[in-house]
Amino acid sequence: MIARIWRGRTRESDQNTYFEYLQRTGLKDTPQPPAIVVFWVLRRVYEGKAEFTLISLWDSWDAIKAFAGSEYERAVYYPEDKKFLLELEPKVTHYEVLQSG
């Protein structure tokens, strides 16, 4: 199993609007099981910003590549992301899941 982690930050005032937008775009386009085993959307607010962390557990590298393409470490963005996100991180992080509980 592979964990794919993406982070993005918005202004605190945009936190709910961005989450609604995220539900209509990236979360809606995310593959369903069995490609993705588990999907979490985390948010924390601090210092006037809202940080979103998306953690998805995938069943294989092939499933990730089918979603993200051959440059699977590149973050996937949508047209209006620039309107909300304070910066566009170029890459996501992947981890092999060695054990879960």
Protein backbone atom coordinates (compact mmCIF):
# COMPACT_ATOMS: atom_id res chain seq x y z
CA MET A 1 0.00 0.00 0.00
CA ILE A 2 1.22 3.53 -0.82
CA ALA A 3 0.36 6.74 1.05
CA ARG A 4 0.07 9.89 -1.10
CA ILE A 5 0.18 13.16 0.84
CA TRP A 6 -0.58 16.67 -0.43
CA ARG A 7 -0.63 19.94 1.49
CA GLY A 8 -2.04 23.34 0.63
CA ARG A 9 -2.72 26.57 2.51
CA THR A 10 -5.45 29.15 2.10
CA ARG A 11 -6.37 32.30 3.96
CA GLU A 12 -8.40 31.46 7.07
CA SER A 13 -11.36 33.34 5.58
CA ASP A 14 -11.34 30.99 2.54
CA GLN A 15 -11.24 27.73 4.49
CA ASN A 16 -14.89 26.69 4.02
CA THR A 17 -15.17 27.96 0.45
CA TYR A 18 -12.00 26.11 -0.51
CA PHE A 19 -13.20 22.89 1.12
CA GLU A 20 -16.46 23.11 -0.87
CA TYR A 21 -14.44 23.72 -4.05
CA LEU A 22 -12.16 20.78 -3.18
CA GLN A 23 -15.20 18.53 -2.83
CA ARG A 24 -16.38 19.53 -6.35
CA THR A 25 -12.96 19.01 -7.97
CA GLY A 26 -10.09 16.95 -6.58
CA LEU A 27 -12.11 14.87 -4.15
CA LYS A 28 -14.79 14.14 -6.74
CA ASP A 29 -12.17 13.09 -9.31
CA THR A 30 -10.29 10.83 -6.92
CA PRO A 31 -10.58 7.15 -7.89
CA GLN A 32 -12.85 4.90 -5.89
CA PRO A 33 -11.94 1.58 -4.27
CA PRO A 34 -10.11 -0.64 -4.94
CA ALA A 35 -7.55 1.91 -6.28
CA ILE A 36 -7.86 4.00 -3.11
CA VAL A 37 -8.18 2.13 0.14
CA VAL A 38 -8.68 5.11 2.49
CA PHE A 39 -8.89 8.89 2.03
CA TRP A 40 -8.61 11.60 4.70
CA VAL A 41 -8.98 15.37 4.41
CA LEU A 42 -7.42 17.19 7.37
CA ARG A 43 -7.58 20.91 8.15
CA ARG A 44 -5.96 23.05 10.78
CA VAL A 45 -6.26 26.80 11.24
CA TYR A 46 -3.36 28.83 12.57
CA GLU A 47 -1.91 32.34 12.22
CA GLY A 48 -4.70 33.46 9.87
CA LYS A 49 -4.25 30.53 7.48
CA ALA A 50 -5.95 27.20 6.93
CA GLU A 51 -3.72 24.26 6.06
CA PHE A 52 -5.26 21.30 4.28
CA THR A 53 -3.57 17.91 4.25
CA LEU A 54 -4.95 15.17 2.02
CA ILE A 55 -3.78 11.65 2.78
CA SER A 56 -4.83 8.84 0.48
CA LEU A 57 -3.84 5.20 0.70
CA TRP A 58 -3.53 3.51 -2.68
CA ASP A 59 -3.39 -0.18 -3.47
CA SER A 60 -0.44 0.17 -5.90
CA TRP A 61 1.93 2.46 -7.75
CA ASP A 62 0.03 1.62 -10.94
CA ALA A 63 -3.18 3.03 -9.46
CA ILE A 64 -1.39 6.27 -8.55
CA LYS A 65 0.12 6.54 -12.03
CA ALA A 66 -3.29 5.93 -13.64
CA PHE A 67 -4.62 8.93 -11.68
CA ALA A 68 -1.63 11.29 -11.78
CA GLY A 69 0.14 10.24 -14.99
CA SER A 70 3.75 9.33 -15.59
CA GLU A 71 4.95 12.28 -13.49
CA TYR A 72 3.03 10.91 -10.52
CA GLU A 73 5.04 12.90 -7.95
CA ARG A 74 3.73 16.13 -9.42
CA ALA A 75 0.76 17.61 -7.55
CA VAL A 76 -2.55 17.62 -9.44
CA TYR A 77 -4.18 21.08 -9.52
CA TYR A 78 -7.43 22.47 -10.90
CA PRO A 79 -8.05 25.83 -12.62
CA GLU A 80 -9.38 27.77 -9.61
CA ASP A 81 -6.76 26.45 -7.15
CA LYS A 82 -4.70 29.59 -7.81
CA LYS A 83 -7.65 31.67 -6.58
CA PHE A 84 -7.53 30.03 -3.14
CA LEU A 85 -4.10 28.55 -2.47
CA LEU A 86 -1.34 30.80 -1.17
CA GLU A 87 1.24 28.72 -3.04
CA LEU A 88 1.16 25.71 -5.34
CA GLU A 89 3.46 23.04 -3.99
CA PRO A 90 4.92 21.31 -7.06
CA LYS A 91 5.09 17.82 -5.59
CA VAL A 92 3.25 15.41 -3.35
CA THR A 93 4.96 12.98 -0.99
CA HIS A 94 4.67 9.21 -1.18
CA TYR A 95 5.38 6.67 1.54
CA GLU A 96 5.24 2.91 1.52
CA VAL A 97 2.88 1.78 4.27
CA LEU A 98 4.73 -0.87 6.23
CA GLN A 99 2.13 -1.43 8.92
CA SER A 100 -1.29 -0.09 9.85
CA GLY A 101 -3.49 -0.71 12.84
